[in-house]
Amino acid sequence: MSEKAMTVDDYLDGVDPAFRTELQRIRALVTELVPSVEESMSYRMPTLKYKDRALVYFTASKKHMSLFPSSWAIEEFNDRLEDYKTTVHAIQFTLDKPLPADLIEDLVLFHKRQIDEDRR
């Protein structure tokens, strides 16, 4: 994984191929849900932005991947995240236990609504 990746594609090119496929799935799903997202790198992480605000970040580590959908979304769907390690801002998952598409959809659309309501 390149710490100096300038684009999401650069970042993904440096990720383990198995993780890359999973992160590309998430990227495609979020883009399908919110077609107006813009890609950027922020905090050295791939970032999908909506209305100039981070909608989600995603990363790969040696043993797991992480999705950062917002602390509000994690709090809202905490009951559905019991099988995953979470922090205030992130959800960790693995290839053996990926995030289901319907859960990603709910997290992303919840955060999108928060942005639409200009929650800060």
Protein backbone atom coordinates (compact mmCIF):
# COMPACT_ATOMS: atom_id res chain seq x y z
CA MET A 1 0.00 0.00 0.00
CA SER A 2 1.50 3.29 -1.03
CA GLU A 3 1.48 5.97 1.65
CA LYS A 4 1.91 8.56 -1.08
CA ALA A 5 -1.02 7.52 -3.26
CA MET A 6 -2.47 10.58 -4.98
CA THR A 7 -5.66 8.90 -6.25
CA VAL A 8 -7.99 6.15 -5.14
CA ASP A 9 -6.75 4.02 -8.03
CA ASP A 10 -3.13 4.54 -6.93
CA TYR A 11 -4.07 3.47 -3.42
CA LEU A 12 -5.92 0.37 -4.61
CA ASP A 13 -3.05 -0.60 -6.89
CA GLY A 14 -0.88 -0.92 -3.78
CA VAL A 15 -3.32 -3.05 -1.80
CA ASP A 16 -3.25 -6.85 -1.52
CA PRO A 17 -5.29 -8.12 -4.52
CA ALA A 18 -7.83 -9.94 -2.34
CA PHE A 19 -8.46 -6.79 -0.28
CA ARG A 20 -8.49 -4.71 -3.46
CA THR A 21 -11.46 -6.67 -4.82
CA GLU A 22 -13.43 -6.10 -1.62
CA LEU A 23 -12.62 -2.39 -1.48
CA GLN A 24 -13.56 -2.03 -5.14
CA ARG A 25 -16.91 -3.67 -4.34
CA ILE A 26 -17.53 -1.07 -1.63
CA ARG A 27 -16.40 1.75 -3.92
CA ALA A 28 -18.79 0.58 -6.66
CA LEU A 29 -21.69 0.16 -4.26
CA VAL A 30 -21.29 3.62 -2.75
CA THR A 31 -20.95 5.15 -6.22
CA GLU A 32 -24.12 3.36 -7.32
CA LEU A 33 -26.01 4.57 -4.24
CA VAL A 34 -24.78 8.16 -4.54
CA PRO A 35 -23.76 8.75 -8.18
CA SER A 36 -22.62 12.30 -7.47
CA VAL A 37 -19.79 11.23 -5.13
CA GLU A 38 -16.35 12.55 -5.93
CA GLU A 39 -13.22 10.57 -5.22
CA SER A 40 -10.24 11.98 -3.41
CA MET A 41 -7.55 11.05 -0.93
CA SER A 42 -7.87 12.44 2.56
CA TYR A 43 -5.76 11.46 5.59
CA ARG A 44 -3.99 9.06 3.16
CA MET A 45 -7.28 7.15 2.76
CA PRO A 46 -9.55 6.75 -0.26
CA THR A 47 -12.45 9.11 0.31
CA LEU A 48 -15.81 9.35 -1.39
CA LYS A 49 -17.14 12.86 -0.94
CA TYR A 50 -20.71 14.11 -1.20
CA LYS A 51 -21.51 17.82 -1.26
CA ASP A 52 -17.83 18.52 -0.51
CA ARG A 53 -17.95 16.44 2.68
CA ALA A 54 -16.54 12.98 3.31
CA LEU A 55 -19.31 10.43 2.91
CA VAL A 56 -17.07 7.39 3.53
CA TYR A 57 -13.41 6.53 3.81
CA PHE A 58 -12.07 3.01 3.37
CA THR A 59 -8.69 1.42 4.01
CA ALA A 60 -6.80 -1.85 4.03
CA SER A 61 -4.41 -3.00 6.74
CA LYS A 62 -2.40 -6.19 6.92
CA LYS A 63 -5.14 -8.28 8.50
CA HIS A 64 -8.37 -6.35 8.02
CA MET A 65 -10.11 -3.54 6.16
CA SER A 66 -11.97 -0.58 7.59
CA LEU A 67 -14.95 1.49 6.55
CA PHE A 68 -15.46 4.95 8.02
CA PRO A 69 -19.13 5.86 7.38
CA SER A 70 -19.46 8.50 10.19
CA SER A 71 -19.86 8.17 13.91
CA TRP A 72 -23.57 8.92 13.53
CA ALA A 73 -24.09 5.98 11.17
CA ILE A 74 -22.12 3.63 13.42
CA GLU A 75 -24.22 4.72 16.39
CA GLU A 76 -27.48 4.39 14.41
CA PHE A 77 -26.74 0.82 13.27
CA ASN A 78 -24.75 -0.33 16.29
CA ASP A 79 -27.07 -3.30 16.82
CA ARG A 80 -26.20 -4.62 13.33
CA LEU A 81 -22.46 -4.15 13.93
CA GLU A 82 -22.14 -6.40 16.98
CA ASP A 83 -20.16 -9.00 15.00
CA TYR A 84 -17.55 -6.44 13.91
CA LYS A 85 -14.87 -4.54 15.76
CA THR A 86 -15.86 -0.88 15.79
CA THR A 87 -14.46 2.39 17.02
CA VAL A 88 -16.26 5.70 17.20
CA HIS A 89 -15.47 6.29 13.53
CA ALA A 90 -14.62 2.94 11.93
CA ILE A 91 -15.86 -0.57 11.29
CA GLN A 92 -13.24 -3.28 10.85
CA PHE A 93 -14.01 -6.30 8.70
CA THR A 94 -12.20 -9.14 6.99
CA LEU A 95 -12.50 -11.23 3.86
CA ASP A 96 -13.98 -13.99 6.02
CA LYS A 97 -16.55 -11.58 7.44
CA PRO A 98 -17.18 -8.81 4.88
CA LEU A 99 -19.77 -6.10 5.36
CA PRO A 100 -23.04 -7.10 3.68
CA ALA A 101 -24.23 -4.84 0.86
CA ASP A 102 -27.49 -4.00 2.63
CA LEU A 103 -25.60 -2.84 5.73
CA ILE A 104 -23.24 -0.69 3.66
CA GLU A 105 -26.26 0.77 1.88
CA ASP A 106 -27.98 1.65 5.16
CA LEU A 107 -24.81 3.21 6.61
CA VAL A 108 -24.11 5.27 3.48
CA LEU A 109 -27.67 6.46 2.93
CA PHE A 110 -28.03 7.37 6.61
CA HIS A 111 -24.87 9.48 6.45
CA LYS A 112 -26.01 11.04 3.15
CA ARG A 113 -29.24 12.13 4.86
CA GLN A 114 -27.22 13.65 7.70
CA ILE A 115 -25.17 15.62 5.19
CA ASP A 116 -28.34 16.70 3.36
CA GLU A 117 -29.65 17.98 6.72
CA ASP A 118 -26.31 19.80 7.20
CA ARG A 119 -25.57 17.97 10.43
CA ARG A 120 -22.11 18.86 11.72
